[in-house]
Protein backbone atom coordinates (compact mmCIF):
# COMPACT_ATOMS: atom_id res chain seq x y z
CA MET A 1 88.93 86.00 70.26
CA ASN A 2 85.61 84.95 71.78
CA ARG A 3 83.42 87.29 73.79
CA ALA A 4 84.27 85.72 77.17
CA THR A 5 88.00 86.22 76.57
CA GLU A 6 87.34 89.77 75.45
CA ILE A 7 85.45 90.54 78.67
CA VAL A 8 88.22 89.06 80.82
CA ASN A 9 90.80 91.12 78.93
CA GLU A 10 88.74 94.30 79.41
CA ARG A 11 88.44 93.69 83.16
CA TYR A 12 92.13 92.82 83.43
CA ASP A 13 93.12 96.02 81.61
CA ALA A 14 90.82 98.07 83.84
CA LEU A 15 92.58 96.60 86.86
CA MET A 16 96.09 97.09 85.52
CA PHE A 17 95.51 100.71 84.52
CA ALA A 18 93.33 101.88 87.42
CA LYS A 19 94.11 105.46 88.42
CA ASP A 20 92.96 105.31 92.04
CA ALA A 21 92.18 102.93 94.88
CA GLU A 22 88.43 102.87 94.33
CA SER A 23 88.65 102.06 90.62
CA ALA A 24 91.33 99.41 91.30
CA ARG A 25 89.13 97.61 93.84
CA LYS A 26 86.09 97.91 91.59
CA ALA A 27 88.02 96.49 88.63
CA ALA A 28 89.41 93.71 90.85
CA ARG A 29 85.90 92.71 91.98
CA GLU A 30 84.63 92.76 88.39
CA LEU A 31 87.52 90.55 87.26
CA VAL A 32 86.83 88.12 90.11
CA LYS A 33 83.16 88.00 89.16
CA VAL A 34 83.93 87.31 85.48
CA LEU A 35 86.59 84.66 86.11
CA LEU A 36 85.30 82.93 89.22
CA GLY A 37 81.60 83.76 89.34
CA GLU A 38 79.30 85.55 91.78
CA GLU A 39 80.07 83.16 94.65
CA ALA A 40 83.72 84.25 94.66
CA LEU A 41 82.64 87.77 95.66
CA LYS A 42 81.83 86.34 99.11
CA GLN A 43 85.53 85.56 99.65
CA PRO A 44 88.08 88.08 100.85
CA LEU A 45 89.27 90.04 97.82
CA ASP A 46 92.90 89.01 98.28
CA GLU A 47 92.06 85.28 98.16
CA ALA A 48 89.81 85.73 95.13
CA LEU A 49 92.59 87.66 93.36
CA ARG A 50 95.01 84.84 94.18
CA GLN A 51 92.69 82.40 92.43
CA CYS A 52 92.37 84.72 89.43
CA CYS A 53 96.14 84.99 89.18
CA ARG A 54 96.47 81.21 89.18
CA GLN A 55 94.21 81.13 86.13
CA LEU A 56 95.64 84.12 84.30
CA ARG A 57 99.32 83.68 85.06
CA PRO A 58 100.12 80.15 86.20
CA SER A 59 103.68 79.10 86.98
CA ALA A 60 105.26 75.71 87.54
CA ASP A 61 107.63 77.26 90.10
CA PRO A 62 105.84 77.69 93.47
CA ARG A 63 108.04 80.63 94.51
CA GLU A 64 107.41 82.41 91.24
CA GLN A 65 103.68 81.71 91.52
CA ALA A 66 103.60 83.17 95.03
CA ARG A 67 105.37 86.30 93.76
CA PHE A 68 102.92 86.65 90.86
CA GLU A 69 99.99 86.33 93.25
CA GLU A 70 101.36 88.93 95.68
CA GLU A 71 101.94 91.40 92.84
CA PHE A 72 98.43 90.78 91.52
CA ILE A 73 96.95 91.40 94.96
CA GLU A 74 98.94 94.62 95.31
CA ILE A 75 97.51 95.88 92.05
CA GLY A 76 93.94 95.07 93.10
CA ILE A 77 94.12 96.38 96.64
CA TRP A 78 95.24 99.98 96.68
CA PRO A 79 97.20 101.85 97.82
CA THR A 80 100.49 100.05 97.59
CA ARG A 81 103.99 101.21 98.28
CA ALA A 82 104.98 100.65 94.65
CA ARG A 83 102.23 102.92 93.35
CA GLU A 84 102.79 105.50 96.09
CA MET A 85 106.50 105.65 95.23
CA ALA A 86 105.71 105.97 91.52
CA ALA A 87 103.44 108.96 92.17
């Protein structure tokens, strides 16, 4: 595994396993920066996360892709109902 892939995986894991809203948003911004570059940080976080999802988890089915993107955004932008219910 090359270093760039390693960094992306580290940022992705930090996002997936964030314990609170602040660390989730921070991890989301760091993942956006690594995958899309500094310029992407000027976009709304939800749109940048959508673009990240398209790179990390692409799908040929548009409905499935939309679902993946929504789930990815929920993880990056806390709190969400799913996490609140799990707590």
